[in-house]
Amino acid sequence: MANYDPFRDLDRIASTLLESRGGPRRMPMDLYRDGDHYVLAADLPGIDPGSVDIDVDGQLLTIRAERTLASGDDVKWITREREAATFVRQLNLGQGVDTEQISASYDNGVLSVTIPVSEKAKPRRIAVATADSVAALQAHESDASQPVEQ
């Protein structure tokens, strides 16, 4: 048997009222690293790819998209749950990415943004010198400076 909770109904009504505001909406997204690049996947169902705008200003990535709904003069709506909306998402990229090489594609309602890791931020191996290898290198360099007799 279900218990009646008046606060649940109040929360549902408040959510419905607050969600109907005309401001920008957020878009759900995933962000992961795959080798030498990051991949951002954002859900934008029903969005015209021409309305998607991606900007990089310094280290701030901004994604903006707009969904418009077609309506005719003779249309009589039975129900209308989908809204025209503007979606906005901003991310601070940090210093370890190559903002010049960012690319994006849109397929089946999902926007994919590929953000490469900069060369300076990629892991690299540092050779460790030992006393023997330094002495051998110095001996080899001093032999090279001597003229060779033939």
Protein backbone atom coordinates (compact mmCIF):
# COMPACT_ATOMS: atom_id res chain seq x y z
CA MET A 1 0.00 0.00 0.00
CA ALA A 2 1.43 3.39 -1.00
CA ASN A 3 1.68 6.21 1.50
CA TYR A 4 0.43 9.65 0.51
CA ASP A 5 3.17 12.23 0.75
CA PRO A 6 1.95 15.81 0.19
CA PHE A 7 5.55 17.07 0.01
CA ARG A 8 6.25 14.83 -2.99
CA ASP A 9 3.35 16.42 -4.86
CA LEU A 10 4.51 19.89 -3.85
CA ASP A 11 8.04 19.09 -5.04
CA ARG A 12 6.68 17.81 -8.35
CA ILE A 13 4.61 20.96 -8.88
CA ALA A 14 7.51 23.24 -7.93
CA SER A 15 9.83 21.39 -10.31
CA THR A 16 7.32 21.72 -13.14
CA LEU A 17 6.95 25.45 -12.55
CA LEU A 18 10.67 26.10 -12.22
CA GLU A 19 11.56 24.03 -15.29
CA SER A 20 9.19 26.01 -17.49
CA ARG A 21 11.30 29.17 -17.24
CA GLY A 22 12.70 30.43 -20.53
CA GLY A 23 16.40 30.56 -19.59
CA PRO A 24 19.23 28.33 -20.79
CA ARG A 25 19.01 24.63 -19.99
CA ARG A 26 21.84 22.31 -19.04
CA MET A 27 22.81 19.37 -21.18
CA PRO A 28 23.81 16.00 -19.71
CA MET A 29 27.34 15.01 -20.66
CA ASP A 30 30.09 12.48 -20.13
CA LEU A 31 33.80 13.36 -20.12
CA TYR A 32 36.59 10.82 -20.25
CA ARG A 33 40.22 10.49 -21.32
CA ASP A 34 41.07 8.09 -24.11
CA GLY A 35 44.84 7.93 -24.67
CA ASP A 36 46.16 11.32 -25.73
CA HIS A 37 42.82 13.13 -25.84
CA TYR A 38 39.70 13.87 -23.82
CA VAL A 39 36.25 13.12 -25.21
CA LEU A 40 33.16 15.07 -24.19
CA ALA A 41 29.83 13.50 -25.19
CA ALA A 42 26.75 15.70 -24.67
CA ASP A 43 23.13 14.71 -25.25
CA LEU A 44 21.36 17.18 -27.55
CA PRO A 45 18.32 15.32 -28.92
CA GLY A 46 16.26 17.14 -31.51
CA ILE A 47 18.89 19.82 -32.05
CA ASP A 48 19.68 21.12 -35.52
CA PRO A 49 23.48 20.73 -35.89
CA GLY A 50 23.57 24.19 -37.47
CA SER A 51 22.44 25.72 -34.17
CA VAL A 52 25.36 24.24 -32.20
CA ASP A 53 28.02 26.80 -31.33
CA ILE A 54 31.32 25.81 -29.66
CA ASP A 55 33.69 28.56 -28.51
CA VAL A 56 37.05 28.51 -26.76
CA ASP A 57 38.06 31.69 -24.96
CA GLY A 58 41.39 31.17 -23.23
CA GLN A 59 40.81 27.94 -21.33
CA LEU A 60 36.98 28.23 -21.19
CA LEU A 61 35.03 25.95 -23.53
CA THR A 62 31.40 26.99 -24.11
CA ILE A 63 28.84 24.82 -25.90
CA ARG A 64 25.56 26.47 -26.91
CA ALA A 65 22.71 24.84 -28.81
CA GLU A 66 19.14 25.79 -29.57
CA ARG A 67 16.08 23.63 -30.16
CA THR A 68 13.28 25.24 -32.10
CA LEU A 69 9.93 23.58 -32.62
CA ALA A 70 7.97 23.82 -35.82
CA SER A 71 4.44 25.10 -35.54
CA GLY A 72 1.97 25.90 -38.26
CA ASP A 73 -1.02 28.21 -38.31
CA ASP A 74 -3.49 25.34 -38.57
CA VAL A 75 -1.87 23.18 -35.88
CA LYS A 76 -4.05 22.19 -32.95
CA TRP A 77 -1.89 20.74 -30.20
CA ILE A 78 -3.19 17.71 -28.34
CA THR A 79 -0.22 17.67 -25.98
CA ARG A 80 3.06 19.55 -26.08
CA GLU A 81 5.75 18.42 -23.66
CA ARG A 82 8.81 19.32 -25.71
CA GLU A 83 9.88 22.93 -25.48
CA ALA A 84 11.95 25.22 -27.59
CA ALA A 85 15.03 25.82 -25.48
CA THR A 86 18.60 27.07 -25.38
CA PHE A 87 21.18 24.69 -23.92
CA VAL A 88 24.47 25.98 -22.49
CA ARG A 89 27.43 24.20 -20.93
CA GLN A 90 30.82 25.66 -19.92
CA LEU A 91 34.00 23.86 -18.90
CA ASN A 92 37.34 25.17 -17.68
CA LEU A 93 39.87 23.17 -19.72
CA GLY A 94 42.97 23.78 -17.59
CA GLN A 95 46.49 24.13 -18.97
CA GLY A 96 47.17 20.60 -20.22
CA VAL A 97 45.12 20.65 -23.44
CA ASP A 98 45.76 21.80 -27.00
CA THR A 99 42.91 24.27 -27.58
CA GLU A 100 43.99 24.82 -31.21
CA GLN A 101 43.21 21.20 -32.20
CA ILE A 102 39.73 20.75 -30.63
CA SER A 103 37.26 19.09 -33.02
CA ALA A 104 33.55 18.23 -32.82
CA SER A 105 30.99 15.99 -34.51
CA TYR A 106 27.23 15.46 -34.08
CA ASP A 107 25.59 12.07 -34.63
CA ASN A 108 22.22 10.65 -33.51
CA GLY A 109 21.58 13.49 -31.04
CA VAL A 110 25.00 13.25 -29.38
CA LEU A 111 27.60 15.99 -29.70
CA SER A 112 31.16 14.62 -29.41
CA VAL A 113 33.97 17.08 -28.73
CA THR A 114 37.55 15.77 -28.93
CA ILE A 115 40.08 17.74 -26.88
CA PRO A 116 43.72 16.71 -27.45
CA VAL A 117 46.24 16.66 -24.62
CA SER A 118 49.08 19.13 -25.29
CA GLU A 119 52.53 17.73 -26.03
CA LYS A 120 53.91 19.36 -22.87
CA ALA A 121 51.31 17.57 -20.73
CA LYS A 122 51.91 14.08 -22.17
CA PRO A 123 53.88 11.69 -19.98
CA ARG A 124 57.47 11.12 -21.02
CA ARG A 125 60.35 8.97 -19.80
CA ILE A 126 63.40 10.64 -18.27
CA ALA A 127 66.72 8.82 -18.67
CA VAL A 128 68.65 8.35 -15.45
CA ALA A 129 72.40 8.86 -15.72
CA THR A 130 74.82 6.91 -13.53
CA ALA A 131 78.34 7.89 -12.52
CA ASP A 132 79.77 5.26 -14.93
CA SER A 133 77.77 6.51 -17.92
CA VAL A 134 78.74 10.16 -17.22
CA ALA A 135 82.47 9.19 -16.97
CA ALA A 136 82.24 7.17 -20.21
CA LEU A 137 80.52 10.07 -21.97
CA GLN A 138 83.18 12.55 -20.77
CA ALA A 139 86.01 10.19 -21.86
CA HIS A 140 84.39 9.79 -25.26
CA GLU A 141 84.01 13.57 -25.66
CA SER A 142 87.66 14.20 -24.64
CA ASP A 143 88.88 11.58 -27.20
CA ALA A 144 86.89 13.26 -29.94
CA SER A 145 88.65 16.59 -29.36
CA GLN A 146 92.11 15.01 -29.93
CA PRO A 147 93.39 14.88 -33.51
CA VAL A 148 93.46 11.39 -34.89
CA GLU A 149 96.73 10.19 -36.45
CA GLN A 150 96.63 7.93 -39.42
